[in-house]
All heavy atoms as atom14 arrays in JSON, in Angstrom:
{
  "sequence": "RSSFVGLSEHDAKRVMQIWALVDKMPDRRRLVFELHRKDGLSYKEIS",
  "atom14_mask": [
    [1, 1, 1, 1, 1, 1, 1, 1, 1, 1, 1, 0, 0, 0],
    [1, 1, 1, 1, 1, 1, 0, 0, 0, 0, 0, 0, 0, 0],
    [1, 1, 1, 1, 1, 1, 0, 0, 0, 0, 0, 0, 0, 0],
    [1, 1, 1, 1, 1, 1, 1, 1, 1, 1, 1, 0, 0, 0],
    [1, 1, 1, 1, 1, 1, 1, 0, 0, 0, 0, 0, 0, 0],
    [1, 1, 1, 1, 0, 0, 0, 0, 0, 0, 0, 0, 0, 0],
    [1, 1, 1, 1, 1, 1, 1, 1, 0, 0, 0, 0, 0, 0],
    [1, 1, 1, 1, 1, 1, 0, 0, 0, 0, 0, 0, 0, 0],
    [1, 1, 1, 1, 1, 1, 1, 1, 1, 0, 0, 0, 0, 0],
    [1, 1, 1, 1, 1, 1, 1, 1, 1, 1, 0, 0, 0, 0],
    [1, 1, 1, 1, 1, 1, 1, 1, 0, 0, 0, 0, 0, 0],
    [1, 1, 1, 1, 1, 0, 0, 0, 0, 0, 0, 0, 0, 0],
    [1, 1, 1, 1, 1, 1, 1, 1, 1, 0, 0, 0, 0, 0],
    [1, 1, 1, 1, 1, 1, 1, 1, 1, 1, 1, 0, 0, 0],
    [1, 1, 1, 1, 1, 1, 1, 0, 0, 0, 0, 0, 0, 0],
    [1, 1, 1, 1, 1, 1, 1, 1, 0, 0, 0, 0, 0, 0],
    [1, 1, 1, 1, 1, 1, 1, 1, 1, 0, 0, 0, 0, 0],
    [1, 1, 1, 1, 1, 1, 1, 1, 0, 0, 0, 0, 0, 0],
    [1, 1, 1, 1, 1, 1, 1, 1, 1, 1, 1, 1, 1, 1],
    [1, 1, 1, 1, 1, 0, 0, 0, 0, 0, 0, 0, 0, 0],
    [1, 1, 1, 1, 1, 1, 1, 1, 0, 0, 0, 0, 0, 0],
    [1, 1, 1, 1, 1, 1, 1, 0, 0, 0, 0, 0, 0, 0],
    [1, 1, 1, 1, 1, 1, 1, 1, 0, 0, 0, 0, 0, 0],
    [1, 1, 1, 1, 1, 1, 1, 1, 1, 0, 0, 0, 0, 0],
    [1, 1, 1, 1, 1, 1, 1, 1, 0, 0, 0, 0, 0, 0],
    [1, 1, 1, 1, 1, 1, 1, 0, 0, 0, 0, 0, 0, 0],
    [1, 1, 1, 1, 1, 1, 1, 1, 0, 0, 0, 0, 0, 0],
    [1, 1, 1, 1, 1, 1, 1, 1, 1, 1, 1, 0, 0, 0],
    [1, 1, 1, 1, 1, 1, 1, 1, 1, 1, 1, 0, 0, 0],
    [1, 1, 1, 1, 1, 1, 1, 1, 1, 1, 1, 0, 0, 0],
    [1, 1, 1, 1, 1, 1, 1, 1, 0, 0, 0, 0, 0, 0],
    [1, 1, 1, 1, 1, 1, 1, 0, 0, 0, 0, 0, 0, 0],
    [1, 1, 1, 1, 1, 1, 1, 1, 1, 1, 1, 0, 0, 0],
    [1, 1, 1, 1, 1, 1, 1, 1, 1, 0, 0, 0, 0, 0],
    [1, 1, 1, 1, 1, 1, 1, 1, 0, 0, 0, 0, 0, 0],
    [1, 1, 1, 1, 1, 1, 1, 1, 1, 1, 0, 0, 0, 0],
    [1, 1, 1, 1, 1, 1, 1, 1, 1, 1, 1, 0, 0, 0],
    [1, 1, 1, 1, 1, 1, 1, 1, 1, 0, 0, 0, 0, 0],
    [1, 1, 1, 1, 1, 1, 1, 1, 0, 0, 0, 0, 0, 0],
    [1, 1, 1, 1, 0, 0, 0, 0, 0, 0, 0, 0, 0, 0],
    [1, 1, 1, 1, 1, 1, 1, 1, 0, 0, 0, 0, 0, 0],
    [1, 1, 1, 1, 1, 1, 0, 0, 0, 0, 0, 0, 0, 0],
    [1, 1, 1, 1, 1, 1, 1, 1, 1, 1, 1, 1, 0, 0],
    [1, 1, 1, 1, 1, 1, 1, 1, 1, 0, 0, 0, 0, 0],
    [1, 1, 1, 1, 1, 1, 1, 1, 1, 0, 0, 0, 0, 0],
    [1, 1, 1, 1, 1, 1, 1, 1, 0, 0, 0, 0, 0, 0],
    [1, 1, 1, 1, 1, 1, 0, 0, 0, 0, 0, 0, 0, 0]
  ],
  "atom14_positions": [
    [[10.87, -13.09, -9.86], [9.87, -13.09, -8.79], [10.28, -12.21, -7.61], [9.45, -11.78, -6.82], [9.64, -14.52, -8.28], [8.86, -15.38, -9.24], [8.65, -16.77, -8.65], [7.81, -16.72, -7.47], [6.49, -16.78, -7.49], [5.85, -16.88, -8.64], [5.79, -16.74, -6.38], [0.0, 0.0, 0.0], [0.0, 0.0, 0.0], [0.0, 0.0, 0.0]],
    [[11.57, -11.92, -7.48], [12.03, -11.09, -6.37], [11.4, -9.7, -6.4], [11.33, -9.02, -5.38], [13.56, -10.95, -6.4], [13.99, -10.38, -7.62], [0.0, 0.0, 0.0], [0.0, 0.0, 0.0], [0.0, 0.0, 0.0], [0.0, 0.0, 0.0], [0.0, 0.0, 0.0], [0.0, 0.0, 0.0], [0.0, 0.0, 0.0], [0.0, 0.0, 0.0]],
    [[10.91, -9.3, -7.59], [10.27, -7.98, -7.69], [8.94, -7.95, -6.96], [8.37, -6.88, -6.76], [10.05, -7.61, -9.17], [9.19, -8.53, -9.8], [0.0, 0.0, 0.0], [0.0, 0.0, 0.0], [0.0, 0.0, 0.0], [0.0, 0.0, 0.0], [0.0, 0.0, 0.0], [0.0, 0.0, 0.0], [0.0, 0.0, 0.0], [0.0, 0.0, 0.0]],
    [[8.43, -9.12, -6.56], [7.17, -9.19, -5.83], [7.35, -9.02, -4.33], [6.38, -8.92, -3.59], [6.47, -10.54, -6.07], [5.98, -10.72, -7.48], [5.83, -12.0, -8.01], [5.69, -9.63, -8.28], [5.36, -12.17, -9.3], [5.24, -9.8, -9.57], [5.07, -11.07, -10.09], [0.0, 0.0, 0.0], [0.0, 0.0, 0.0], [0.0, 0.0, 0.0]],
    [[8.6, -9.03, -3.87], [8.85, -8.95, -2.44], [8.24, -7.67, -1.87], [8.46, -6.58, -2.39], [10.36, -8.98, -2.14], [10.61, -8.75, -0.65], [10.96, -10.31, -2.58], [0.0, 0.0, 0.0], [0.0, 0.0, 0.0], [0.0, 0.0, 0.0], [0.0, 0.0, 0.0], [0.0, 0.0, 0.0], [0.0, 0.0, 0.0], [0.0, 0.0, 0.0]],
    [[7.45, -7.82, -0.81], [6.85, -6.67, -0.17], [5.47, -6.33, -0.69], [4.8, -5.47, -0.12], [0.0, 0.0, 0.0], [0.0, 0.0, 0.0], [0.0, 0.0, 0.0], [0.0, 0.0, 0.0], [0.0, 0.0, 0.0], [0.0, 0.0, 0.0], [0.0, 0.0, 0.0], [0.0, 0.0, 0.0], [0.0, 0.0, 0.0], [0.0, 0.0, 0.0]],
    [[5.05, -6.98, -1.79], [3.72, -6.7, -2.34], [2.68, -7.6, -1.69], [2.96, -8.74, -1.33], [3.7, -6.95, -3.86], [4.51, -6.0, -4.74], [4.34, -6.4, -6.21], [4.08, -4.55, -4.54], [0.0, 0.0, 0.0], [0.0, 0.0, 0.0], [0.0, 0.0, 0.0], [0.0, 0.0, 0.0], [0.0, 0.0, 0.0], [0.0, 0.0, 0.0]],
    [[1.48, -7.08, -1.56], [0.38, -7.9, -1.08], [0.01, -8.9, -2.17], [0.42, -8.76, -3.33], [-0.83, -7.03, -0.76], [-1.35, -6.45, -1.96], [0.0, 0.0, 0.0], [0.0, 0.0, 0.0], [0.0, 0.0, 0.0], [0.0, 0.0, 0.0], [0.0, 0.0, 0.0], [0.0, 0.0, 0.0], [0.0, 0.0, 0.0], [0.0, 0.0, 0.0]],
    [[-0.75, -9.92, -1.8], [-1.17, -10.91, -2.79], [-1.96, -10.26, -3.91], [-1.8, -10.59, -5.09], [-2.01, -12.0, -2.11], [-2.45, -13.1, -3.07], [-3.27, -14.17, -2.37], [-3.39, -14.11, -1.13], [-3.79, -15.07, -3.06], [0.0, 0.0, 0.0], [0.0, 0.0, 0.0], [0.0, 0.0, 0.0], [0.0, 0.0, 0.0], [0.0, 0.0, 0.0]],
    [[-2.81, -9.3, -3.55], [-3.62, -8.61, -4.55], [-2.75, -7.84, -5.53], [-2.95, -7.91, -6.74], [-4.59, -7.65, -3.85], [-5.4, -6.81, -4.8], [-4.98, -5.57, -5.24], [-6.59, -7.05, -5.42], [-5.86, -5.08, -6.08], [-6.86, -5.95, -6.2], [0.0, 0.0, 0.0], [0.0, 0.0, 0.0], [0.0, 0.0, 0.0], [0.0, 0.0, 0.0]],
    [[-1.76, -7.11, -5.0], [-0.9, -6.32, -5.87], [-0.01, -7.21, -6.73], [0.28, -6.89, -7.89], [-0.03, -5.37, -5.04], [-0.82, -4.18, -4.53], [-1.96, -3.98, -4.99], [-0.3, -3.44, -3.67], [0.0, 0.0, 0.0], [0.0, 0.0, 0.0], [0.0, 0.0, 0.0], [0.0, 0.0, 0.0], [0.0, 0.0, 0.0], [0.0, 0.0, 0.0]],
    [[0.44, -8.34, -6.17], [1.27, -9.27, -6.94], [0.47, -9.83, -8.12], [0.98, -9.95, -9.23], [1.76, -10.4, -6.05], [0.0, 0.0, 0.0], [0.0, 0.0, 0.0], [0.0, 0.0, 0.0], [0.0, 0.0, 0.0], [0.0, 0.0, 0.0], [0.0, 0.0, 0.0], [0.0, 0.0, 0.0], [0.0, 0.0, 0.0], [0.0, 0.0, 0.0]],
    [[-0.8, -10.15, -7.87], [-1.66, -10.64, -8.95], [-1.88, -9.56, -9.99], [-1.92, -9.83, -11.2], [-3.0, -11.11, -8.39], [-2.92, -12.41, -7.61], [-4.29, -12.84, -7.1], [-4.21, -14.16, -6.36], [-5.55, -14.58, -5.83], [0.0, 0.0, 0.0], [0.0, 0.0, 0.0], [0.0, 0.0, 0.0], [0.0, 0.0, 0.0], [0.0, 0.0, 0.0]],
    [[-2.01, -8.31, -9.54], [-2.22, -7.22, -10.46], [-0.98, -7.02, -11.36], [-1.1, -6.76, -12.57], [-2.55, -5.94, -9.71], [-2.75, -4.7, -10.57], [-3.8, -4.93, -11.66], [-5.07, -5.33, -11.15], [-6.03, -4.48, -10.79], [-5.85, -3.19, -10.9], [-7.19, -4.94, -10.37], [0.0, 0.0, 0.0], [0.0, 0.0, 0.0], [0.0, 0.0, 0.0]],
    [[0.2, -7.16, -10.76], [1.43, -7.06, -11.56], [1.45, -8.14, -12.63], [1.79, -7.89, -13.8], [2.68, -7.18, -10.66], [3.94, -7.32, -11.5], [2.81, -5.96, -9.76], [0.0, 0.0, 0.0], [0.0, 0.0, 0.0], [0.0, 0.0, 0.0], [0.0, 0.0, 0.0], [0.0, 0.0, 0.0], [0.0, 0.0, 0.0], [0.0, 0.0, 0.0]],
    [[1.08, -9.36, -12.26], [1.05, -10.46, -13.23], [0.04, -10.17, -14.34], [0.29, -10.46, -15.51], [0.7, -11.77, -12.52], [1.8, -12.27, -11.6], [3.31, -12.73, -12.5], [2.78, -14.25, -13.29], [0.0, 0.0, 0.0], [0.0, 0.0, 0.0], [0.0, 0.0, 0.0], [0.0, 0.0, 0.0], [0.0, 0.0, 0.0], [0.0, 0.0, 0.0]],
    [[-1.1, -9.6, -13.97], [-2.1, -9.24, -14.98], [-1.55, -8.2, -15.95], [-1.75, -8.3, -17.16], [-3.37, -8.68, -14.29], [-4.21, -9.71, -13.58], [-5.39, -9.06, -12.87], [-5.34, -7.9, -12.47], [-6.46, -9.82, -12.7], [0.0, 0.0, 0.0], [0.0, 0.0, 0.0], [0.0, 0.0, 0.0], [0.0, 0.0, 0.0], [0.0, 0.0, 0.0]],
    [[-0.85, -7.22, -15.4], [-0.29, -6.16, -16.24], [0.7, -6.72, -17.24], [0.65, -6.42, -18.43], [0.38, -5.08, -15.36], [-0.7, -4.27, -14.62], [1.23, -4.14, -16.21], [-0.16, -3.31, -13.59], [0.0, 0.0, 0.0], [0.0, 0.0, 0.0], [0.0, 0.0, 0.0], [0.0, 0.0, 0.0], [0.0, 0.0, 0.0], [0.0, 0.0, 0.0]],
    [[1.63, -7.58, -16.76], [2.64, -8.11, -17.69], [2.03, -9.08, -18.69], [2.53, -9.21, -19.81], [3.78, -8.75, -16.91], [4.63, -7.72, -16.23], [4.81, -7.55, -14.9], [5.38, -6.69, -16.87], [5.63, -6.47, -14.66], [6.0, -5.93, -15.85], [5.59, -6.33, -18.2], [6.82, -4.83, -16.12], [6.41, -5.23, -18.47], [7.01, -4.51, -17.45]],
    [[0.94, -9.75, -18.32], [0.25, -10.6, -19.29], [-0.35, -9.73, -20.39], [-0.34, -10.1, -21.58], [-0.84, -11.42, -18.6], [0.0, 0.0, 0.0], [0.0, 0.0, 0.0], [0.0, 0.0, 0.0], [0.0, 0.0, 0.0], [0.0, 0.0, 0.0], [0.0, 0.0, 0.0], [0.0, 0.0, 0.0], [0.0, 0.0, 0.0], [0.0, 0.0, 0.0]],
    [[-0.88, -8.58, -20.02], [-1.43, -7.64, -21.0], [-0.32, -7.03, -21.86], [-0.48, -6.85, -23.07], [-2.21, -6.53, -20.29], [-3.53, -6.95, -19.64], [-4.07, -5.82, -18.77], [-4.56, -7.32, -20.72], [0.0, 0.0, 0.0], [0.0, 0.0, 0.0], [0.0, 0.0, 0.0], [0.0, 0.0, 0.0], [0.0, 0.0, 0.0], [0.0, 0.0, 0.0]],
    [[0.81, -6.71, -21.23], [1.94, -6.15, -21.97], [2.39, -7.11, -23.06], [2.74, -6.7, -24.17], [3.12, -5.84, -21.01], [4.38, -5.49, -21.79], [2.75, -4.69, -20.08], [0.0, 0.0, 0.0], [0.0, 0.0, 0.0], [0.0, 0.0, 0.0], [0.0, 0.0, 0.0], [0.0, 0.0, 0.0], [0.0, 0.0, 0.0], [0.0, 0.0, 0.0]],
    [[2.35, -8.4, -22.75], [2.8, -9.41, -23.7], [1.92, -9.45, -24.95], [2.33, -9.98, -25.99], [2.8, -10.79, -23.03], [3.82, -11.72, -23.65], [4.96, -11.28, -23.9], [3.48, -12.9, -23.89], [0.0, 0.0, 0.0], [0.0, 0.0, 0.0], [0.0, 0.0, 0.0], [0.0, 0.0, 0.0], [0.0, 0.0, 0.0], [0.0, 0.0, 0.0]],
    [[0.71, -8.87, -24.87], [-0.2, -8.86, -26.02], [-0.05, -7.6, -26.87], [-0.7, -7.47, -27.91], [-1.64, -8.98, -25.52], [-1.95, -10.28, -24.8], [-3.39, -10.3, -24.29], [-3.69, -11.59, -23.53], [-5.08, -11.59, -23.02], [0.0, 0.0, 0.0], [0.0, 0.0, 0.0], [0.0, 0.0, 0.0], [0.0, 0.0, 0.0], [0.0, 0.0, 0.0]],
    [[0.77, -6.67, -26.43], [0.96, -5.43, -27.18], [1.71, -5.68, -28.49], [2.43, -6.68, -28.61], [1.76, -4.42, -26.34], [1.05, -3.87, -25.13], [2.13, -2.7, -24.25], [1.11, -2.32, -22.83], [0.0, 0.0, 0.0], [0.0, 0.0, 0.0], [0.0, 0.0, 0.0], [0.0, 0.0, 0.0], [0.0, 0.0, 0.0], [0.0, 0.0, 0.0]],
    [[1.59, -4.78, -29.46], [2.44, -4.84, -30.65], [3.9, -4.87, -30.23], [4.27, -4.25, -29.21], [2.09, -3.56, -31.41], [0.7, -3.21, -30.96], [0.64, -3.64, -29.51], [0.0, 0.0, 0.0], [0.0, 0.0, 0.0], [0.0, 0.0, 0.0], [0.0, 0.0, 0.0], [0.0, 0.0, 0.0], [0.0, 0.0, 0.0], [0.0, 0.0, 0.0]],
    [[4.74, -5.57, -30.97], [6.12, -5.83, -30.54], [6.89, -4.58, -30.14], [7.53, -4.54, -29.08], [6.88, -6.55, -31.67], [6.45, -7.99, -31.81], [5.78, -8.5, -30.89], [6.77, -8.62, -32.83], [0.0, 0.0, 0.0], [0.0, 0.0, 0.0], [0.0, 0.0, 0.0], [0.0, 0.0, 0.0], [0.0, 0.0, 0.0], [0.0, 0.0, 0.0]],
    [[6.85, -3.55, -30.96], [7.65, -2.37, -30.67], [7.16, -1.66, -29.42], [7.95, -1.22, -28.58], [7.66, -1.42, -31.87], [8.59, -0.23, -31.7], [8.92, 0.4, -33.03], [9.72, -0.48, -33.86], [10.17, -0.16, -35.07], [9.89, 1.01, -35.59], [10.9, -1.0, -35.77], [0.0, 0.0, 0.0], [0.0, 0.0, 0.0], [0.0, 0.0, 0.0]],
    [[5.86, -1.56, -29.27], [5.29, -0.91, -28.09], [5.63, -1.71, -26.83], [5.98, -1.15, -25.79], [3.79, -0.77, -28.22], [3.12, -0.01, -27.09], [1.68, 0.3, -27.44], [1.64, 1.07, -28.68], [0.56, 1.18, -29.46], [-0.55, 0.56, -29.11], [0.59, 1.88, -30.56], [0.0, 0.0, 0.0], [0.0, 0.0, 0.0], [0.0, 0.0, 0.0]],
    [[5.57, -3.03, -26.95], [5.92, -3.89, -25.81], [7.38, -3.7, -25.42], [7.71, -3.59, -24.24], [5.66, -5.36, -26.19], [6.15, -6.35, -25.16], [5.77, -7.77, -25.54], [6.15, -8.09, -26.9], [7.41, -8.37, -27.28], [8.39, -8.36, -26.4], [7.67, -8.68, -28.54], [0.0, 0.0, 0.0], [0.0, 0.0, 0.0], [0.0, 0.0, 0.0]],
    [[8.27, -3.63, -26.4], [9.69, -3.44, -26.11], [9.95, -2.11, -25.42], [10.72, -2.02, -24.46], [10.51, -3.53, -27.4], [10.76, -4.94, -27.95], [11.45, -4.84, -29.31], [11.59, -5.77, -26.99], [0.0, 0.0, 0.0], [0.0, 0.0, 0.0], [0.0, 0.0, 0.0], [0.0, 0.0, 0.0], [0.0, 0.0, 0.0], [0.0, 0.0, 0.0]],
    [[9.29, -1.07, -25.92], [9.45, 0.26, -25.31], [9.0, 0.21, -23.84], [9.71, 0.69, -22.95], [8.64, 1.32, -26.08], [8.55, 2.62, -25.29], [9.28, 1.59, -27.44], [0.0, 0.0, 0.0], [0.0, 0.0, 0.0], [0.0, 0.0, 0.0], [0.0, 0.0, 0.0], [0.0, 0.0, 0.0], [0.0, 0.0, 0.0], [0.0, 0.0, 0.0]],
    [[7.84, -0.37, -23.6], [7.31, -0.43, -22.25], [8.21, -1.25, -21.33], [8.5, -0.86, -20.2], [5.9, -1.03, -22.28], [5.18, -0.93, -20.96], [4.44, 0.2, -20.64], [5.26, -1.96, -20.05], [3.79, 0.3, -19.42], [4.6, -1.87, -18.82], [3.86, -0.75, -18.51], [0.0, 0.0, 0.0], [0.0, 0.0, 0.0], [0.0, 0.0, 0.0]],
    [[8.67, -2.4, -21.82], [9.52, -3.27, -21.0], [10.85, -2.61, -20.68], [11.35, -2.71, -19.55], [9.74, -4.61, -21.7], [8.5, -5.49, -21.74], [8.72, -6.78, -22.5], [9.71, -6.89, -23.25], [7.88, -7.69, -22.35], [0.0, 0.0, 0.0], [0.0, 0.0, 0.0], [0.0, 0.0, 0.0], [0.0, 0.0, 0.0], [0.0, 0.0, 0.0]],
    [[11.44, -1.96, -21.66], [12.72, -1.3, -21.42], [12.59, -0.19, -20.38], [13.48, 0.02, -19.56], [13.28, -0.73, -22.73], [13.88, -1.74, -23.71], [14.23, -1.06, -25.02], [15.12, -2.4, -23.12], [0.0, 0.0, 0.0], [0.0, 0.0, 0.0], [0.0, 0.0, 0.0], [0.0, 0.0, 0.0], [0.0, 0.0, 0.0], [0.0, 0.0, 0.0]],
    [[11.45, 0.5, -20.42], [11.24, 1.6, -19.49], [10.89, 1.09, -18.1], [11.44, 1.57, -17.09], [10.14, 2.51, -20.02], [10.02, 3.8, -19.27], [11.09, 4.6, -18.95], [8.93, 4.44, -18.77], [10.69, 5.67, -18.3], [9.38, 5.59, -18.16], [0.0, 0.0, 0.0], [0.0, 0.0, 0.0], [0.0, 0.0, 0.0], [0.0, 0.0, 0.0]],
    [[9.96, 0.12, -18.02], [9.44, -0.3, -16.73], [10.23, -1.44, -16.09], [10.36, -1.49, -14.87], [7.96, -0.72, -16.86], [7.06, 0.43, -17.28], [7.19, 1.61, -16.33], [6.36, 2.72, -16.74], [6.4, 3.92, -16.21], [7.24, 4.18, -15.23], [5.62, 4.89, -16.66], [0.0, 0.0, 0.0], [0.0, 0.0, 0.0], [0.0, 0.0, 0.0]],
    [[10.74, -2.36, -16.89], [11.51, -3.47, -16.31], [12.98, -3.1, -16.13], [13.6, -3.45, -15.13], [11.42, -4.71, -17.2], [10.14, -5.52, -17.04], [10.24, -6.81, -17.82], [8.98, -7.65, -17.66], [9.05, -8.92, -18.42], [0.0, 0.0, 0.0], [0.0, 0.0, 0.0], [0.0, 0.0, 0.0], [0.0, 0.0, 0.0], [0.0, 0.0, 0.0]],
    [[13.54, -2.42, -17.12], [14.97, -2.16, -17.12], [15.34, -0.76, -16.65], [16.51, -0.46, -16.46], [15.54, -2.4, -18.52], [15.4, -3.85, -18.95], [16.24, -4.66, -18.55], [14.44, -4.18, -19.67], [0.0, 0.0, 0.0], [0.0, 0.0, 0.0], [0.0, 0.0, 0.0], [0.0, 0.0, 0.0], [0.0, 0.0, 0.0], [0.0, 0.0, 0.0]],
    [[14.34, 0.1, -16.5], [14.6, 1.42, -15.97], [15.31, 2.36, -16.92], [15.92, 3.33, -16.48], [0.0, 0.0, 0.0], [0.0, 0.0, 0.0], [0.0, 0.0, 0.0], [0.0, 0.0, 0.0], [0.0, 0.0, 0.0], [0.0, 0.0, 0.0], [0.0, 0.0, 0.0], [0.0, 0.0, 0.0], [0.0, 0.0, 0.0], [0.0, 0.0, 0.0]],
    [[15.24, 2.1, -18.22], [15.89, 2.97, -19.18], [15.05, 4.22, -19.42], [13.82, 4.17, -19.38], [16.11, 2.25, -20.51], [17.42, 1.44, -20.63], [17.39, 0.25, -19.68], [17.64, 0.97, -22.06], [0.0, 0.0, 0.0], [0.0, 0.0, 0.0], [0.0, 0.0, 0.0], [0.0, 0.0, 0.0], [0.0, 0.0, 0.0], [0.0, 0.0, 0.0]],
    [[15.71, 5.32, -19.67], [15.01, 6.57, -19.96], [14.48, 6.54, -21.39], [14.9, 5.71, -22.22], [15.96, 7.76, -19.8], [16.92, 7.79, -20.85], [0.0, 0.0, 0.0], [0.0, 0.0, 0.0], [0.0, 0.0, 0.0], [0.0, 0.0, 0.0], [0.0, 0.0, 0.0], [0.0, 0.0, 0.0], [0.0, 0.0, 0.0], [0.0, 0.0, 0.0]],
    [[13.57, 7.47, -21.7], [13.04, 7.54, -23.06], [14.16, 7.8, -24.07], [14.15, 7.24, -25.17], [12.0, 8.66, -23.15], [10.67, 8.37, -22.47], [10.48, 7.23, -21.71], [9.6, 9.26, -22.6], [9.28, 6.98, -21.09], [8.37, 9.01, -21.98], [8.23, 7.87, -21.23], [7.02, 7.61, -20.62], [0.0, 0.0, 0.0], [0.0, 0.0, 0.0]],
    [[15.1, 8.64, -23.7], [16.19, 8.95, -24.63], [17.08, 7.74, -24.86], [17.53, 7.5, -25.99], [17.01, 10.13, -24.1], [16.28, 11.45, -24.24], [17.15, 12.63, -23.8], [16.39, 13.95, -23.98], [17.17, 15.11, -23.54], [0.0, 0.0, 0.0], [0.0, 0.0, 0.0], [0.0, 0.0, 0.0], [0.0, 0.0, 0.0], [0.0, 0.0, 0.0]],
    [[17.33, 6.96, -23.82], [18.11, 5.74, -23.99], [17.38, 4.75, -24.88], [17.97, 4.12, -25.77], [18.4, 5.11, -22.62], [19.42, 5.87, -21.8], [19.6, 5.3, -20.41], [18.58, 4.94, -19.78], [20.74, 5.21, -19.95], [0.0, 0.0, 0.0], [0.0, 0.0, 0.0], [0.0, 0.0, 0.0], [0.0, 0.0, 0.0], [0.0, 0.0, 0.0]],
    [[16.07, 4.63, -24.67], [15.27, 3.71, -25.49], [15.27, 4.15, -26.95], [15.35, 3.32, -27.86], [13.82, 3.63, -24.96], [13.83, 3.01, -23.55], [12.93, 2.8, -25.88], [12.5, 3.11, -22.83], [0.0, 0.0, 0.0], [0.0, 0.0, 0.0], [0.0, 0.0, 0.0], [0.0, 0.0, 0.0], [0.0, 0.0, 0.0], [0.0, 0.0, 0.0]],
    [[15.17, 5.46, -27.18], [15.16, 5.96, -28.57], [16.46, 5.61, -29.27], [16.45, 5.28, -30.47], [14.92, 7.48, -28.58], [16.07, 8.18, -28.13], [0.0, 0.0, 0.0], [0.0, 0.0, 0.0], [0.0, 0.0, 0.0], [0.0, 0.0, 0.0], [0.0, 0.0, 0.0], [0.0, 0.0, 0.0], [0.0, 0.0, 0.0], [0.0, 0.0, 0.0]]
  ]
}
């Protein structure tokens, strides 16, 4: 939840919506997206 610090209520809700949608992605696509956006890994590291 600390990642929400500084966000408006609207933006915080939008982030939650995005991650709820990410959770519905095919497993491999979801992992790629999470590694890149949550963990900050580069495409080459993910590959």
